Protein backbone atom coordinates (compact mmCIF):
# COMPACT_ATOMS: atom_id res chain seq x y z
CA MET A 1 52.06 182.24 27.31
CA ALA A 2 50.61 183.44 30.48
CA SER A 3 47.61 181.71 30.04
CA PRO A 4 48.95 178.27 29.24
CA LEU A 5 51.03 178.02 32.06
CA VAL A 6 47.98 178.80 34.77
CA ASN A 7 45.90 175.96 32.77
CA ILE A 8 48.27 173.56 33.34
CA PHE A 9 48.24 173.76 37.24
CA LYS A 10 44.71 173.50 36.80
CA ILE A 11 44.53 170.24 35.17
CA PRO A 12 45.46 167.72 38.62
CA GLU A 13 47.25 165.35 36.32
CA LEU A 14 49.00 166.97 34.50
CA ARG A 15 50.45 168.99 37.30
CA ASN A 16 51.08 165.91 38.86
CA ARG A 17 52.92 164.70 36.00
CA ILE A 18 55.41 167.98 35.73
CA ILE A 19 56.31 167.88 39.66
CA PHE A 20 56.91 163.98 39.44
CA THR A 21 59.53 165.40 36.60
CA LEU A 22 60.78 167.46 38.12
CA VAL A 23 61.70 165.88 41.68
CA ILE A 24 63.27 162.89 39.76
CA LEU A 25 65.47 165.50 37.89
CA ILE A 26 66.34 166.97 40.92
CA ILE A 27 67.39 163.54 42.49
CA TYR A 28 69.14 162.96 39.08
CA ARG A 29 71.76 166.55 39.96
CA ILE A 30 72.21 165.44 43.50
CA GLY A 31 73.56 161.69 42.44
CA ALA A 32 75.31 163.70 39.44
CA HIS A 33 77.60 165.17 42.77
CA ILE A 34 78.23 162.25 44.60
CA PRO A 35 81.35 160.92 43.95
CA ILE A 36 83.42 157.58 43.87
CA PRO A 37 85.38 156.88 47.89
CA GLY A 38 88.76 156.72 47.74
CA ILE A 39 88.70 160.02 44.86
CA ASN A 40 91.03 162.88 45.52
CA VAL A 41 88.73 165.69 44.13
CA GLU A 42 91.02 168.94 44.15
CA ALA A 43 93.51 166.54 41.78
CA LEU A 44 91.31 164.99 39.81
CA LYS A 45 90.08 168.89 38.95
CA ALA A 46 93.71 170.28 38.01
CA TYR A 47 93.82 167.18 36.38
CA PHE A 48 91.00 167.74 33.74
CA ASP A 49 91.88 171.42 33.72
CA GLN A 50 94.72 170.40 32.70
CA ALA A 51 93.59 168.19 29.83
CA SER A 52 91.38 170.99 28.94
CA GLN A 53 94.29 172.58 27.41
CA GLY A 54 94.98 169.97 24.77
CA ALA A 55 93.86 168.58 22.15
CA ALA A 56 92.26 165.51 24.10
CA GLY A 57 89.83 168.31 25.70
CA GLY A 58 87.55 167.86 23.03
CA LEU A 59 86.80 164.41 23.86
CA LEU A 60 86.57 165.00 27.44
CA ASP A 61 84.12 167.54 26.88
CA PHE A 62 81.71 165.51 24.47
CA PHE A 63 81.37 162.15 27.30
CA ASP A 64 80.82 164.99 29.36
CA LEU A 65 78.09 166.50 28.38
CA PHE A 66 75.80 163.32 27.76
CA ALA A 67 76.86 162.46 31.90
CA GLY A 68 75.89 166.32 32.81
CA GLY A 69 79.06 166.90 34.07
CA ALA A 70 79.55 163.89 36.40
CA LEU A 71 82.55 161.91 34.36
CA LYS A 72 84.85 165.29 35.31
CA ARG A 73 83.72 164.61 39.29
CA PHE A 74 83.91 160.64 38.93
CA THR A 75 80.55 160.42 40.38
CA ILE A 76 78.00 157.49 40.53
CA PHE A 77 76.75 158.66 37.51
CA ALA A 78 80.01 159.55 35.75
CA LEU A 79 78.63 157.61 32.52
CA GLY A 80 75.43 159.05 32.57
CA ILE A 81 72.64 157.09 30.53
CA MET A 82 74.79 156.33 27.30
CA PRO A 83 75.47 152.81 28.04
CA TYR A 84 71.83 153.00 27.74
CA ILE A 85 71.30 154.62 24.50
CA SER A 86 74.53 152.43 22.97
CA ALA A 87 73.32 149.14 24.15
CA SER A 88 69.41 150.69 22.08
CA ILE A 89 71.26 151.76 18.84
CA ILE A 90 73.11 148.57 18.66
CA MET A 91 69.68 146.58 19.40
CA GLN A 92 68.77 148.50 16.53
CA LEU A 93 71.15 147.77 13.93
CA LEU A 94 71.05 144.17 15.40
CA ASN A 95 67.38 144.04 14.43
CA VAL A 96 68.53 144.57 10.57
CA VAL A 97 71.24 141.78 10.42
CA ILE A 98 69.32 139.42 13.00
CA PRO A 99 66.09 137.59 11.40
CA ALA A 100 65.18 136.03 14.66
CA LEU A 101 65.35 139.42 16.22
CA GLU A 102 63.72 141.30 13.36
CA ARG A 103 61.15 138.58 13.93
CA LEU A 104 60.52 139.22 17.28
CA SER A 105 59.96 143.12 16.60
CA LYS A 106 57.28 142.71 14.70
CA GLU A 107 55.30 140.31 18.06
CA GLY A 108 53.55 143.32 19.20
CA PRO A 109 53.80 144.12 22.60
CA GLU A 110 55.70 141.26 23.68
CA GLY A 111 58.21 140.88 21.32
CA HIS A 112 58.94 144.78 21.67
CA LYS A 113 59.19 143.58 25.73
CA LYS A 114 61.60 141.06 24.78
CA ILE A 115 63.86 143.46 23.22
CA ASN A 116 63.89 145.49 25.94
CA GLN A 117 64.63 143.11 28.21
CA TYR A 118 67.94 142.16 26.13
CA THR A 119 68.52 146.12 26.03
CA ARG A 120 68.99 146.19 29.59
CA TYR A 121 71.25 143.39 29.76
CA GLY A 122 73.32 144.59 26.53
CA THR A 123 73.27 148.55 29.04
CA VAL A 124 74.49 146.11 32.27
CA LEU A 125 77.39 144.48 30.39
CA LEU A 126 78.54 147.81 28.62
CA CYS A 127 78.54 149.74 31.88
CA THR A 128 80.32 147.25 33.62
CA ILE A 129 83.12 147.61 30.53
CA GLN A 130 83.37 150.91 30.36
CA SER A 131 83.17 151.16 34.11
CA LEU A 132 86.23 148.79 34.86
CA GLY A 133 88.16 151.11 31.83
CA LEU A 134 87.42 154.45 33.45
CA THR A 135 88.62 153.21 37.08
CA PHE A 136 91.79 151.98 35.44
CA TRP A 137 92.05 155.15 33.46
CA MET A 138 91.36 157.21 37.05
CA LYS A 139 94.01 155.10 39.09
CA SER A 140 96.86 155.71 36.07
CA MET A 141 95.84 160.41 36.47
CA SER A 142 98.37 162.27 38.56
CA SER A 143 98.18 166.21 38.59
CA PRO A 144 100.37 168.45 40.30
CA LYS A 145 98.38 168.39 42.98
CA GLY A 146 98.99 164.61 43.48
CA ALA A 147 97.32 161.45 42.32
CA VAL A 148 93.65 161.35 41.64
CA VAL A 149 93.54 157.45 43.14
CA PRO A 150 96.09 156.78 46.05
CA LYS A 151 98.61 154.39 44.82
CA ASP A 152 97.87 151.96 47.86
CA SER A 153 94.24 151.24 46.96
CA GLY A 154 93.94 148.02 45.73
CA ILE A 155 91.33 145.64 43.92
CA GLU A 156 88.83 146.94 46.84
CA PHE A 157 88.50 150.33 45.18
CA ILE A 158 88.02 149.10 41.56
CA ILE A 159 85.07 146.92 42.84
CA ILE A 160 83.50 149.50 44.71
CA ALA A 161 83.94 151.97 41.91
CA VAL A 162 82.92 149.26 38.88
CA ILE A 163 79.71 148.46 41.21
CA ALA A 164 78.86 152.26 42.32
CA ILE A 165 79.07 153.66 38.60
CA THR A 166 76.91 150.29 36.66
CA THR A 167 74.46 150.74 39.37
CA GLY A 168 74.31 154.20 39.07
CA THR A 169 73.84 153.99 35.53
CA MET A 170 70.98 151.13 35.89
CA VAL A 171 69.24 153.76 38.42
CA LEU A 172 69.17 156.71 35.96
CA MET A 173 67.49 154.31 33.46
CA TRP A 174 65.39 153.33 35.59
CA LEU A 175 64.96 157.00 36.42
CA GLY A 176 64.06 158.38 32.71
CA GLU A 177 61.56 154.86 32.64
CA MET A 178 59.52 156.13 35.64
CA ILE A 179 59.43 159.70 33.88
CA THR A 180 58.19 158.01 30.38
CA GLU A 181 55.21 156.17 32.32
CA ARG A 182 54.22 158.85 35.14
CA GLY A 183 56.23 162.04 34.36
CA ILE A 184 55.76 164.19 31.07
CA GLY A 185 57.83 163.78 27.93
CA ASN A 186 60.81 161.10 26.99
CA GLY A 187 62.76 160.66 30.20
CA ILE A 188 66.14 159.29 29.15
CA SER A 189 65.90 162.71 26.06
CA LEU A 190 64.59 165.03 29.63
CA LEU A 191 67.79 163.32 31.56
CA ILE A 192 70.57 164.19 28.95
CA PHE A 193 68.54 167.99 28.22
CA ALA A 194 69.30 168.46 32.10
CA GLY A 195 72.69 167.95 32.17
CA ILE A 196 73.09 170.04 29.26
CA VAL A 197 70.87 172.95 30.45
CA VAL A 198 72.26 172.74 33.78
CA ARG A 199 75.48 174.38 32.09
CA VAL A 200 73.92 177.15 30.49
CA PRO A 201 73.81 179.65 33.20
CA ALA A 202 77.56 178.84 34.53
CA ALA A 203 78.50 179.10 30.04
CA ILE A 204 76.96 182.46 29.33
CA MET A 205 78.41 184.22 33.00
CA ASP A 206 81.84 183.17 31.98
CA THR A 207 81.16 184.66 28.13
CA LEU A 208 79.90 187.86 29.15
CA ASN A 209 82.77 188.31 31.58
CA ARG A 210 84.99 187.92 29.16
CA ILE A 211 83.48 190.05 26.74
CA VAL A 212 83.19 192.84 29.48
CA THR A 213 86.69 192.40 29.72
CA GLN A 214 87.59 193.09 25.62
CA SER A 215 84.88 195.88 26.23
CA ASP A 216 83.14 194.78 22.94
CA PRO A 217 79.56 195.06 23.16
CA ILE A 218 79.38 194.63 19.46
CA ILE A 219 80.47 190.79 20.17
CA GLY A 220 77.89 190.38 22.48
CA ILE A 221 75.14 191.49 19.72
CA ILE A 222 76.64 189.20 16.89
CA LEU A 223 76.70 186.61 19.17
CA ILE A 224 73.50 186.68 20.44
CA GLY A 225 72.50 187.22 16.63
CA ILE A 226 73.69 184.26 15.80
CA PHE A 227 72.74 182.12 18.77
CA LEU A 228 68.74 183.06 17.30
CA LEU A 229 69.95 182.17 13.85
CA VAL A 230 71.22 178.73 14.68
CA ILE A 231 67.98 177.93 17.11
CA ALA A 232 65.68 178.63 14.61
CA ALA A 233 68.01 176.68 11.76
CA SER A 234 67.91 172.95 14.14
CA ILE A 235 64.24 173.89 14.78
CA LEU A 236 63.73 173.46 11.21
CA LEU A 237 65.70 170.78 10.74
CA THR A 238 64.23 168.66 13.34
CA LEU A 239 60.52 169.54 12.29
CA GLY A 240 61.43 169.27 8.67
CA ILE A 241 59.13 166.96 6.52
CA ARG A 242 59.07 166.46 2.65
CA LYS A 243 55.34 164.75 1.64
CA ILE A 244 55.00 162.20 -0.78
CA PRO A 245 51.31 162.24 -2.17
CA VAL A 246 49.34 158.94 -2.10
CA GLN A 247 46.15 158.12 -3.25
CA TYR A 248 44.38 154.99 -3.04
CA GLY A 249 41.73 153.38 -5.02
CA LYS A 250 38.07 152.53 -4.76
CA ARG A 251 37.11 150.22 -2.38
CA ILE A 252 33.68 148.14 -1.63
CA VAL A 253 32.37 149.04 1.70
CA GLY A 254 29.25 146.55 2.33
CA ARG A 255 27.07 147.48 -0.75
CA ARG A 256 28.67 150.79 -1.91
CA MET A 257 31.76 151.63 -3.80
CA VAL A 258 33.89 154.81 -1.48
CA GLN A 259 36.55 156.74 -2.68
CA MET A 260 39.66 156.54 0.12
CA LYS A 261 40.73 159.42 1.20
CA SER A 262 44.15 160.74 0.28
CA GLN A 263 47.14 160.75 2.08
CA SER A 264 51.25 161.15 2.58
CA ILE A 265 54.45 159.66 3.66
CA PRO A 266 56.38 161.54 5.57
CA LEU A 267 60.53 161.57 4.65
CA ARG A 268 61.92 163.72 7.44
CA VAL A 269 64.64 165.97 6.73
CA ASN A 270 66.63 164.43 9.64
CA ALA A 271 65.53 161.15 10.05
CA ALA A 272 68.58 160.45 12.11
CA GLY A 273 68.25 163.11 14.48
CA VAL A 274 72.08 163.83 16.55
CA ILE A 275 73.30 159.52 16.08
CA PRO A 276 75.49 161.07 13.12
CA ILE A 277 77.01 163.56 15.36
CA ILE A 278 77.42 161.05 18.30
CA PHE A 279 79.24 158.30 15.80
CA ALA A 280 81.07 160.80 14.20
CA SER A 281 82.15 162.37 16.95
CA SER A 282 83.17 159.08 18.68
CA VAL A 283 85.26 158.05 15.05
CA ILE A 284 87.22 160.65 14.96
CA LEU A 285 88.41 161.98 18.38
CA PHE A 286 89.51 158.02 18.27
CA PRO A 287 93.15 159.23 17.43
CA ALA A 288 93.63 161.17 20.59
CA GLN A 289 91.98 158.72 22.73
CA ILE A 290 94.70 156.11 21.53
CA SER A 291 97.82 158.86 21.73
CA ASN A 292 96.69 158.92 25.45
CA MET A 293 96.95 156.09 26.32
CA ILE A 294 100.21 154.97 24.39
CA GLY A 295 101.64 158.04 26.52
CA GLY A 296 102.93 159.72 23.48
CA SER A 297 105.88 157.19 22.31
CA SER A 298 108.22 158.43 19.63
CA ASP A 299 107.46 154.81 18.09
CA TYR A 300 103.83 155.85 17.34
CA ALA A 301 104.12 159.50 16.54
CA ILE A 302 102.04 159.50 13.84
CA PHE A 303 98.96 159.02 16.73
CA THR A 304 100.50 162.40 17.86
CA LYS A 305 99.71 164.08 14.62
CA LEU A 306 96.44 162.61 13.79
CA GLN A 307 95.89 164.07 17.42
CA TYR A 308 96.62 167.70 16.06
CA TRP A 309 95.35 167.99 12.48
CA LEU A 310 92.36 166.22 13.87
CA SER A 311 91.68 168.49 17.28
CA PRO A 312 88.74 170.64 17.02
CA GLY A 313 89.25 174.03 14.97
CA GLN A 314 91.61 172.62 12.62
CA ALA A 315 90.26 172.53 8.85
CA LEU A 316 90.88 168.76 8.40
CA TYR A 317 89.41 168.39 11.82
CA MET A 318 85.87 170.11 10.03
CA ILE A 319 86.21 169.03 6.74
CA PHE A 320 86.59 165.21 7.44
CA TYR A 321 83.61 165.78 10.50
CA ALA A 322 81.12 166.89 8.37
CA LEU A 323 81.54 164.19 5.93
CA LEU A 324 81.58 161.22 8.59
CA ILE A 325 77.99 163.79 9.83
CA ILE A 326 76.94 162.61 6.07
CA PHE A 327 78.38 159.25 5.48
CA PHE A 328 76.39 158.48 9.13
CA CYS A 329 73.06 159.95 8.00
CA TYR A 330 73.00 157.65 4.90
CA PHE A 331 73.87 155.17 7.21
CA TYR A 332 71.46 155.26 9.78
CA THR A 333 68.56 156.27 7.56
CA ALA A 334 69.10 153.50 4.94
CA ILE A 335 68.65 151.02 8.09
CA GLN A 336 65.21 152.93 9.06
CA PHE A 337 63.84 153.68 6.09
CA ASN A 338 63.21 150.45 3.22
CA PRO A 339 62.13 151.74 0.64
CA VAL A 340 60.89 148.00 -0.84
CA ASP A 341 58.54 147.67 1.56
CA ILE A 342 56.45 150.60 1.72
CA ALA A 343 56.28 149.61 -2.68
CA GLU A 344 55.22 146.77 -1.13
CA ASN A 345 52.71 147.41 1.36
CA LEU A 346 51.52 151.04 -0.82
CA LYS A 347 50.50 147.55 -3.76
CA LYS A 348 48.62 145.68 -1.27
CA TYR A 349 46.39 147.82 -0.67
CA GLY A 350 46.04 149.20 -3.72
CA GLY A 351 47.83 152.68 -2.91
CA PHE A 352 49.89 153.84 -5.59
CA ILE A 353 51.83 157.63 -5.92
CA PRO A 354 50.57 159.80 -8.40
CA GLY A 355 52.34 159.56 -12.18
CA ILE A 356 54.63 156.82 -10.99
CA ARG A 357 53.69 153.10 -11.59
CA PRO A 358 53.48 150.23 -8.64
CA GLY A 359 56.07 148.08 -7.77
CA LYS A 360 59.48 148.84 -8.32
CA ASN A 361 59.16 151.77 -10.11
CA THR A 362 57.72 153.16 -7.01
CA SER A 363 60.68 151.86 -4.71
CA ASP A 364 63.18 153.42 -6.54
CA TYR A 365 60.85 157.45 -7.02
CA ILE A 366 60.87 156.33 -3.09
CA MET A 367 64.79 155.67 -2.93
CA TRP A 368 65.87 158.85 -5.10
CA LEU A 369 63.39 161.19 -3.15
CA LEU A 370 65.17 159.97 0.37
CA ASN A 371 68.42 160.46 -0.81
CA ARG A 372 68.05 163.79 -1.71
CA VAL A 373 66.32 165.02 1.68
CA THR A 374 68.62 163.09 3.36
CA LEU A 375 71.29 165.06 1.15
CA SER A 376 70.30 168.41 2.45
CA GLY A 377 69.59 167.30 5.74
CA SER A 378 72.98 165.90 6.20
CA ILE A 379 74.70 168.83 4.86
CA PHE A 380 72.43 171.13 7.27
CA LEU A 381 73.11 168.59 10.29
CA ALA A 382 77.21 169.20 9.32
CA LEU A 383 76.58 172.94 9.13
CA ILE A 384 75.25 172.76 12.35
CA ALA A 385 77.50 170.78 14.46
CA ILE A 386 81.15 172.80 12.66
CA VAL A 387 79.63 176.37 13.81
CA PRO A 388 80.65 176.16 17.62
CA ASP A 389 84.49 174.94 16.20
CA PHE A 390 84.19 178.24 13.44
CA ILE A 391 82.99 180.37 16.49
CA MET A 392 86.52 179.42 18.43
CA LYS A 393 88.02 179.91 15.80
CA ILE A 394 86.94 183.40 15.34
CA TRP A 395 86.76 184.47 18.85
CA PRO A 396 88.84 182.22 21.08
CA GLU A 397 89.37 185.17 23.80
CA GLU A 398 85.59 186.41 24.20
CA VAL A 399 84.16 182.83 23.79
CA SER A 400 84.54 179.91 26.47
CA PRO A 401 84.37 176.46 25.00
CA GLN A 402 81.05 175.54 27.25
CA MET A 403 79.20 178.72 25.59
CA ALA A 404 80.58 177.65 21.52
CA TYR A 405 79.08 174.09 22.16
CA LEU A 406 75.48 175.64 23.27
CA PHE A 407 75.60 177.53 19.65
CA GLY A 408 75.33 174.12 17.63
CA GLY A 409 76.26 170.40 17.42
CA THR A 410 74.71 167.74 19.55
CA SER A 411 73.82 169.91 22.84
CA LEU A 412 71.57 172.26 20.69
CA LEU A 413 69.91 169.76 18.88
CA ILE A 414 69.01 167.70 21.78
CA ILE A 415 67.58 171.14 23.73
CA VAL A 416 65.63 171.86 20.72
CA GLY A 417 64.35 168.72 19.94
CA VAL A 418 63.39 167.73 23.60
CA ALA A 419 61.89 170.90 24.33
CA LEU A 420 59.68 171.08 21.05
CA ASP A 421 58.55 167.35 22.13
CA THR A 422 57.92 167.90 25.59
CA LEU A 423 56.33 171.23 24.34
CA LYS A 424 53.78 169.15 22.17
CA GLN A 425 53.07 166.77 25.09
CA ILE A 426 51.85 169.05 27.59
CA GLU A 427 49.78 171.23 24.59
CA SER A 428 47.95 168.10 23.30
CA GLN A 429 47.10 167.31 27.20
CA LEU A 430 45.72 170.55 27.18
CA ILE A 431 43.64 170.59 24.34
CA MET A 432 42.41 167.21 24.73
CA ARG A 433 40.96 168.87 28.60
CA HIS A 434 39.54 172.10 26.41
CA TYR A 435 42.20 174.28 26.97
CA ASP A 436 44.25 176.71 25.09
CA GLY A 437 47.90 175.48 24.13
CA PHE A 438 50.66 177.32 23.60
CA ILE A 439 50.22 178.12 19.38
CA LYS A 440 46.37 179.07 18.90
CA LYS A 441 47.04 179.43 15.79
CA GLY A 442 48.50 176.28 14.45
CA ARG A 443 50.07 173.63 16.57
CA VAL A 444 53.50 172.10 17.55
CA ARG A 445 54.14 169.02 16.03
CA ALA A 446 56.50 166.81 17.46
CA ARG A 447 59.08 164.44 16.19
CA HIS A 448 58.34 161.08 14.83
């Protein structure tokens, strides 16, 4: 490993890209600590400490995970990069529903440029709405140390907060694009990655202090083993591919009859990535958000009961959460993958799957195989997602919630996926310049 690390800094272009990426990430972490003017920081901290003890704490932790801790500080990066990700997902869904956008996506670079422009407009709209709601929520907060926002603050505070948060998200979007163009790796993913990784040292120290207090080192060894096992499972889930062999008939090239090379259609085991977890978490935590908004009124006691039943750690929560993840895996995979189009393209270019007749039989076979692969991948993803709940249920005193969320779910999948993707890009740069990569036997496979 030492030799590849040394080789990285021998290549000027790669060295400059890595340094540029690190500088951008440092700027991002500095901005995550700049609060909105007029906020009572002590009262804000006391409010979130109190909220973390309730069922709504899971909702706050989930959104704060993608904001890199900026939400609980109410900084200029309070919404993080999530509005841009939400706008991108919405545009992907609209590309399937709206024929005009589908045609635009097939027009090459110019079409993608227009879709990216529409995505940015959608990001501004979503960010304005979300920052407005977040600002009114902050104005309604009160804690034992006083109001989070002074009662005498008027429309000026709302305007300043909305402009600051919206501008902060757009700056993050620009920083992410700069990393993608001039740095190394995917910029948006690296920003989320940095926000998650920065919590790791504090979470580890908190867990170690708890284990030392309990005077039970066996639990620490068990937790390390579970952590390594979940990491290995996440890597297998991220890189897992089921290949469908494809053969092509002979074609005339010039004056000769040439046999085309056999190829394969790769079906990813987890084609949807972490999107099913994001959607499922938003849906299952919605009752808790409604309960907080209505203030626990007796006329809406059903929401309070749902908030308890669907709180992290409850059996109903884990069952419903796993079912939602499986559903969204199938939903998102069906949108992204069309077996009919693949079958038509194979038939058009003279390709076929051995033992399967071209046309409808091919599309049915691909759909059958895709359903099987998606089922195994979705169940595997659901198990990884509920690992933190099992850990907090078994060892509530020894493991902090921050550390438990590193054992599975969204955070671990993002860390593993982004790390593998960035490692692949660095290795390709080394191999292109005839340097040894990180792995001498074999190569690191990137995500598609």
